[in-house]
C-alpha cells in the first residue's frame, strides 16, 4: 500500500505486516502510529496557515 512520506512528500510504502512506513528516496522508516501523528500535525499546520492567509486577505 502506498503512503506519502512525511519528510520528502514522495511515495512511501506501508508494510502491513511490520506496521511501518518506509520511503526509499529519503530512507525514512517510521512506525505507523507515529506516521499518523505526524500527518495530523502537518494537516493542522496547513489549516492554520491557510486560515492566517485568509484572515489577512479577506474577500
PDB file of N, CA and C in Angstrom:
ATOM      1  N   UNK A   1       0.835  -1.167   0.000  1.00  0.00           N
ATOM      2  CA  UNK A   1       0.000   0.000   0.000  1.00  0.00           C
ATOM      3  C   UNK A   1       0.888   1.241   0.000  1.00  0.00           C
ATOM      4  N   UNK A   2       0.476   2.261  -0.732  1.00  0.00           N
ATOM      5  CA  UNK A   2       1.256   3.492  -0.815  1.00  0.00           C
ATOM      6  C   UNK A   2       0.839   4.494   0.253  1.00  0.00           C
ATOM      7  N   UNK A   3       1.788   5.328   0.619  1.00  0.00           N
ATOM      8  CA  UNK A   3       1.569   6.424   1.554  1.00  0.00           C
ATOM      9  C   UNK A   3       2.397   7.603   1.066  1.00  0.00           C
ATOM     10  N   UNK A   4       2.256   8.737   1.700  1.00  0.00           N
ATOM     11  CA  UNK A   4       3.046   9.915   1.368  1.00  0.00           C
ATOM     12  C   UNK A   4       4.096  10.110   2.454  1.00  0.00           C
ATOM     13  N   UNK A   5       5.341  10.243   2.057  1.00  0.00           N
ATOM     14  CA  UNK A   5       6.430  10.413   3.015  1.00  0.00           C
ATOM     15  C   UNK A   5       6.277  11.749   3.744  1.00  0.00           C
ATOM     16  N   UNK A   6       6.416  11.721   5.068  1.00  0.00           N
ATOM     17  CA  UNK A   6       6.302  12.948   5.851  1.00  0.00           C
ATOM     18  C   UNK A   6       7.549  13.827   5.733  1.00  0.00           C
ATOM     19  N   UNK A   7       8.651  13.277   5.242  1.00  0.00           N
ATOM     20  CA  UNK A   7       9.884  14.057   5.086  1.00  0.00           C
ATOM     21  C   UNK A   7       9.999  14.702   3.711  1.00  0.00           C
ATOM     22  N   UNK A   8       9.887  13.893   2.670  1.00  0.00           N
ATOM     23  CA  UNK A   8      10.158  14.404   1.318  1.00  0.00           C
ATOM     24  C   UNK A   8       8.906  14.517   0.446  1.00  0.00           C
ATOM     25  N   UNK A   9       7.760  14.114   0.970  1.00  0.00           N
ATOM     26  CA  UNK A   9       6.471  14.182   0.262  1.00  0.00           C
ATOM     27  C   UNK A   9       6.382  13.298  -0.980  1.00  0.00           C
ATOM     28  N   UNK A  10       7.296  12.387  -1.120  1.00  0.00           N
ATOM     29  CA  UNK A  10       7.240  11.450  -2.239  1.00  0.00           C
ATOM     30  C   UNK A  10       6.504  10.181  -1.793  1.00  0.00           C
ATOM     31  N   UNK A  11       6.393   9.228  -2.711  1.00  0.00           N
ATOM     32  CA  UNK A  11       5.688   7.979  -2.413  1.00  0.00           C
ATOM     33  C   UNK A  11       6.497   7.135  -1.429  1.00  0.00           C
ATOM     34  N   UNK A  12       5.809   6.662  -0.417  1.00  0.00           N
ATOM     35  CA  UNK A  12       6.405   5.741   0.548  1.00  0.00           C
ATOM     36  C   UNK A  12       5.540   4.484   0.554  1.00  0.00           C
ATOM     37  N   UNK A  13       6.042   3.436   1.155  1.00  0.00           N
ATOM     38  CA  UNK A  13       5.306   2.178   1.197  1.00  0.00           C
ATOM     39  C   UNK A  13       4.920   1.834   2.626  1.00  0.00           C
ATOM     40  N   UNK A  14       3.708   1.330   2.777  1.00  0.00           N
ATOM     41  CA  UNK A  14       3.226   0.870   4.078  1.00  0.00           C
ATOM     42  C   UNK A  14       3.291  -0.643   4.101  1.00  0.00           C
ATOM     43  N   UNK A  15       4.075  -1.179   5.016  1.00  0.00           N
ATOM     44  CA  UNK A  15       4.188  -2.617   5.197  1.00  0.00           C
ATOM     45  C   UNK A  15       3.223  -3.017   6.316  1.00  0.00           C
ATOM     46  N   UNK A  16       2.143  -3.639   5.943  1.00  0.00           N
ATOM     47  CA  UNK A  16       1.094  -4.000   6.900  1.00  0.00           C
ATOM     48  C   UNK A  16       1.616  -4.972   7.958  1.00  0.00           C
ATOM     49  N   UNK A  17       2.414  -5.938   7.536  1.00  0.00           N
ATOM     50  CA  UNK A  17       2.915  -6.949   8.469  1.00  0.00           C
ATOM     51  C   UNK A  17       3.825  -6.346   9.546  1.00  0.00           C
ATOM     52  N   UNK A  18       4.657  -5.389   9.158  1.00  0.00           N
ATOM     53  CA  UNK A  18       5.583  -4.759  10.109  1.00  0.00           C
ATOM     54  C   UNK A  18       4.997  -3.495  10.733  1.00  0.00           C
ATOM     55  N   UNK A  19       3.875  -3.017  10.181  1.00  0.00           N
ATOM     56  CA  UNK A  19       3.218  -1.800  10.651  1.00  0.00           C
ATOM     57  C   UNK A  19       4.156  -0.595  10.558  1.00  0.00           C
ATOM     58  N   UNK A  20       4.873  -0.505   9.425  1.00  0.00           N
ATOM     59  CA  UNK A  20       5.858   0.559   9.222  1.00  0.00           C
ATOM     60  C   UNK A  20       5.670   1.224   7.860  1.00  0.00           C
ATOM     61  N   UNK A  21       5.999   2.516   7.823  1.00  0.00           N
ATOM     62  CA  UNK A  21       6.054   3.285   6.584  1.00  0.00           C
ATOM     63  C   UNK A  21       7.531   3.427   6.238  1.00  0.00           C
ATOM     64  N   UNK A  22       7.878   3.134   4.980  1.00  0.00           N
ATOM     65  CA  UNK A  22       9.264   3.227   4.535  1.00  0.00           C
ATOM     66  C   UNK A  22       9.327   4.014   3.233  1.00  0.00           C
ATOM     67  N   UNK A  23      10.242   4.982   3.190  1.00  0.00           N
ATOM     68  CA  UNK A  23      10.474   5.763   1.973  1.00  0.00           C
ATOM     69  C   UNK A  23      11.845   5.392   1.422  1.00  0.00           C
ATOM     70  N   UNK A  24      11.857   4.919   0.201  1.00  0.00           N
ATOM     71  CA  UNK A  24      13.131   4.535  -0.418  1.00  0.00           C
ATOM     72  C   UNK A  24      13.957   5.756  -0.803  1.00  0.00           C
ATOM     73  N   UNK A  25      13.304   6.881  -1.061  1.00  0.00           N
ATOM     74  CA  UNK A  25      14.022   8.073  -1.510  1.00  0.00           C
ATOM     75  C   UNK A  25      14.854   8.694  -0.389  1.00  0.00           C
ATOM     76  N   UNK A  26      14.208   8.958   0.772  1.00  0.00           N
ATOM     77  CA  UNK A  26      14.937   9.627   1.855  1.00  0.00           C
ATOM     78  C   UNK A  26      15.290   8.691   3.003  1.00  0.00           C
ATOM     79  N   UNK A  27      14.967   7.404   2.833  1.00  0.00           N
ATOM     80  CA  UNK A  27      15.322   6.361   3.802  1.00  0.00           C
ATOM     81  C   UNK A  27      14.556   6.459   5.128  1.00  0.00           C
ATOM     82  N   UNK A  28      13.434   7.142   5.124  1.00  0.00           N
ATOM     83  CA  UNK A  28      12.612   7.222   6.329  1.00  0.00           C
ATOM     84  C   UNK A  28      12.021   5.857   6.641  1.00  0.00           C
ATOM     85  N   UNK A  29      12.045   5.501   7.902  1.00  0.00           N
ATOM     86  CA  UNK A  29      11.348   4.312   8.379  1.00  0.00           C
ATOM     87  C   UNK A  29      10.677   4.716   9.683  1.00  0.00           C
ATOM     88  N   UNK A  30       9.359   4.640   9.703  1.00  0.00           N
ATOM     89  CA  UNK A  30       8.607   5.136  10.847  1.00  0.00           C
ATOM     90  C   UNK A  30       7.454   4.196  11.155  1.00  0.00           C
ATOM     91  N   UNK A  31       7.169   4.053  12.422  1.00  0.00           N
ATOM     92  CA  UNK A  31       6.047   3.253  12.882  1.00  0.00           C
ATOM     93  C   UNK A  31       4.750   3.911  12.408  1.00  0.00           C
ATOM     94  N   UNK A  32       3.754   3.120  12.063  1.00  0.00           N
ATOM     95  CA  UNK A  32       2.510   3.643  11.501  1.00  0.00           C
ATOM     96  C   UNK A  32       1.824   4.638  12.434  1.00  0.00           C
ATOM     97  N   UNK A  33       1.771   4.353  13.727  1.00  0.00           N
ATOM     98  CA  UNK A  33       1.122   5.268  14.670  1.00  0.00           C
ATOM     99  C   UNK A  33       1.839   6.617  14.723  1.00  0.00           C
ATOM    100  N   UNK A  34       3.161   6.601  14.700  1.00  0.00           N
ATOM    101  CA  UNK A  34       3.935   7.846  14.668  1.00  0.00           C
ATOM    102  C   UNK A  34       3.693   8.593  13.358  1.00  0.00           C
ATOM    103  N   UNK A  35       3.596   7.850  12.265  1.00  0.00           N
ATOM    104  CA  UNK A  35       3.315   8.436  10.957  1.00  0.00           C
ATOM    105  C   UNK A  35       1.977   9.185  10.983  1.00  0.00           C
ATOM    106  N   UNK A  36       0.950   8.547  11.535  1.00  0.00           N
ATOM    107  CA  UNK A  36      -0.376   9.172  11.609  1.00  0.00           C
ATOM    108  C   UNK A  36      -0.312  10.457  12.427  1.00  0.00           C
ATOM    109  N   UNK A  37       0.391  10.445  13.537  1.00  0.00           N
ATOM    110  CA  UNK A  37       0.508  11.645  14.368  1.00  0.00           C
ATOM    111  C   UNK A  37       1.211  12.774  13.619  1.00  0.00           C
ATOM    112  N   UNK A  38       2.276  12.452  12.895  1.00  0.00           N
ATOM    113  CA  UNK A  38       2.990  13.478  12.134  1.00  0.00           C
ATOM    114  C   UNK A  38       2.126  14.040  11.009  1.00  0.00           C
ATOM    115  N   UNK A  39       1.347  13.178  10.361  1.00  0.00           N
ATOM    116  CA  UNK A  39       0.463  13.647   9.293  1.00  0.00           C
ATOM    117  C   UNK A  39      -0.643  14.537   9.867  1.00  0.00           C
ATOM    118  N   UNK A  40      -1.144  14.224  11.050  1.00  0.00           N
ATOM    119  CA  UNK A  40      -2.141  15.078  11.705  1.00  0.00           C
ATOM    120  C   UNK A  40      -1.561  16.460  11.980  1.00  0.00           C
ATOM    121  N   UNK A  41      -0.325  16.490  12.479  1.00  0.00           N
ATOM    122  CA  UNK A  41       0.333  17.762  12.764  1.00  0.00           C
ATOM    123  C   UNK A  41       0.520  18.580  11.493  1.00  0.00           C
ATOM    124  N   UNK A  42       0.915  17.924  10.401  1.00  0.00           N
ATOM    125  CA  UNK A  42       1.084  18.626   9.131  1.00  0.00           C
ATOM    126  C   UNK A  42      -0.244  19.195   8.642  1.00  0.00           C
ATOM    127  N   UNK A  43      -1.313  18.414   8.766  1.00  0.00           N
ATOM    128  CA  UNK A  43      -2.636  18.872   8.330  1.00  0.00           C
ATOM    129  C   UNK A  43      -3.083  20.072   9.162  1.00  0.00           C
ATOM    130  N   UNK A  44      -2.854  20.029  10.455  1.00  0.00           N
ATOM    131  CA  UNK A  44      -3.235  21.144  11.327  1.00  0.00           C
ATOM    132  C   UNK A  44      -2.442  22.398  10.973  1.00  0.00           C
ATOM    133  N   UNK A  45      -1.160  22.237  10.703  1.00  0.00           N
ATOM    134  CA  UNK A  45      -0.326  23.376  10.317  1.00  0.00           C
ATOM    135  C   UNK A  45      -0.797  23.976   9.002  1.00  0.00           C
ATOM    136  N   UNK A  46      -1.110  23.131   8.024  1.00  0.00           N
ATOM    137  CA  UNK A  46      -1.630  23.629   6.740  1.00  0.00           C
ATOM    138  C   UNK A  46      -2.925  24.398   6.938  1.00  0.00           C
ATOM    139  N   UNK A  47      -3.810  23.874   7.765  1.00  0.00           N
ATOM    140  CA  UNK A  47      -5.087  24.542   8.026  1.00  0.00           C
ATOM    141  C   UNK A  47      -4.862  25.889   8.718  1.00  0.00           C
ATOM    142  N   UNK A  48      -3.958  25.929   9.690  1.00  0.00           N
ATOM    143  CA  UNK A  48      -3.653  27.183  10.383  1.00  0.00           C
ATOM    144  C   UNK A  48      -3.051  28.209   9.434  1.00  0.00           C
ATOM    145  N   UNK A  49      -2.134  27.776   8.581  1.00  0.00           N
ATOM    146  CA  UNK A  49      -1.510  28.678   7.606  1.00  0.00           C
ATOM    147  C   UNK A  49      -2.549  29.232   6.636  1.00  0.00           C
ATOM    148  N   UNK A  50      -3.456  28.373   6.184  1.00  0.00           N
ATOM    149  CA  UNK A  50      -4.496  28.817   5.276  1.00  0.00           C
ATOM    150  C   UNK A  50      -5.395  29.835   5.955  1.00  0.00           C
ATOM    151  N   UNK A  51      -5.797  29.545   7.196  1.00  0.00           N
ATOM    152  CA  UNK A  51      -6.667  30.459   7.935  1.00  0.00           C
ATOM    153  C   UNK A  51      -5.988  31.808   8.132  1.00  0.00           C
ATOM    154  N   UNK A  52      -4.701  31.795   8.468  1.00  0.00           N
ATOM    155  CA  UNK A  52      -3.960  33.040   8.662  1.00  0.00           C
ATOM    156  C   UNK A  52      -3.911  33.856   7.377  1.00  0.00           C
ATOM    157  N   UNK A  53      -3.644  33.190   6.264  1.00  0.00           N
ATOM    158  CA  UNK A  53      -3.566  33.920   4.996  1.00  0.00           C
ATOM    159  C   UNK A  53      -4.945  34.424   4.578  1.00  0.00           C
ATOM    160  N   UNK A  54      -5.985  33.668   4.888  1.00  0.00           N
ATOM    161  CA  UNK A  54      -7.355  34.092   4.557  1.00  0.00           C
ATOM    162  C   UNK A  54      -7.725  35.334   5.377  1.00  0.00           C
ATOM    163  N   UNK A  55      -7.342  35.332   6.649  1.00  0.00           N
ATOM    164  CA  UNK A  55      -7.663  36.458   7.511  1.00  0.00           C
ATOM    165  C   UNK A  55      -6.954  37.739   7.048  1.00  0.00           C
ATOM    166  N   UNK A  56      -5.764  37.621   6.504  1.00  0.00           N
ATOM    167  CA  UNK A  56      -5.024  38.788   6.010  1.00  0.00           C
ATOM    168  C   UNK A  56      -5.632  39.327   4.725  1.00  0.00           C
ATOM    169  N   UNK A  57      -6.068  38.420   3.845  1.00  0.00           N
ATOM    170  CA  UNK A  57      -6.587  38.850   2.539  1.00  0.00           C
ATOM    171  C   UNK A  57      -8.065  39.186   2.568  1.00  0.00           C
ATOM    172  N   UNK A  58      -8.846  38.365   3.255  1.00  0.00           N
ATOM    173  CA  UNK A  58     -10.297  38.562   3.245  1.00  0.00           C
ATOM    174  C   UNK A  58     -10.857  38.320   1.865  1.00  0.00           C
ATOM    175  N   UNK A  59     -11.979  38.964   1.572  1.00  0.00           N
ATOM    176  CA  UNK A  59     -12.591  38.815   0.247  1.00  0.00           C
ATOM    177  C   UNK A  59     -12.031  39.776  -0.731  1.00  0.00           C
TER     178      UNK A  59
END
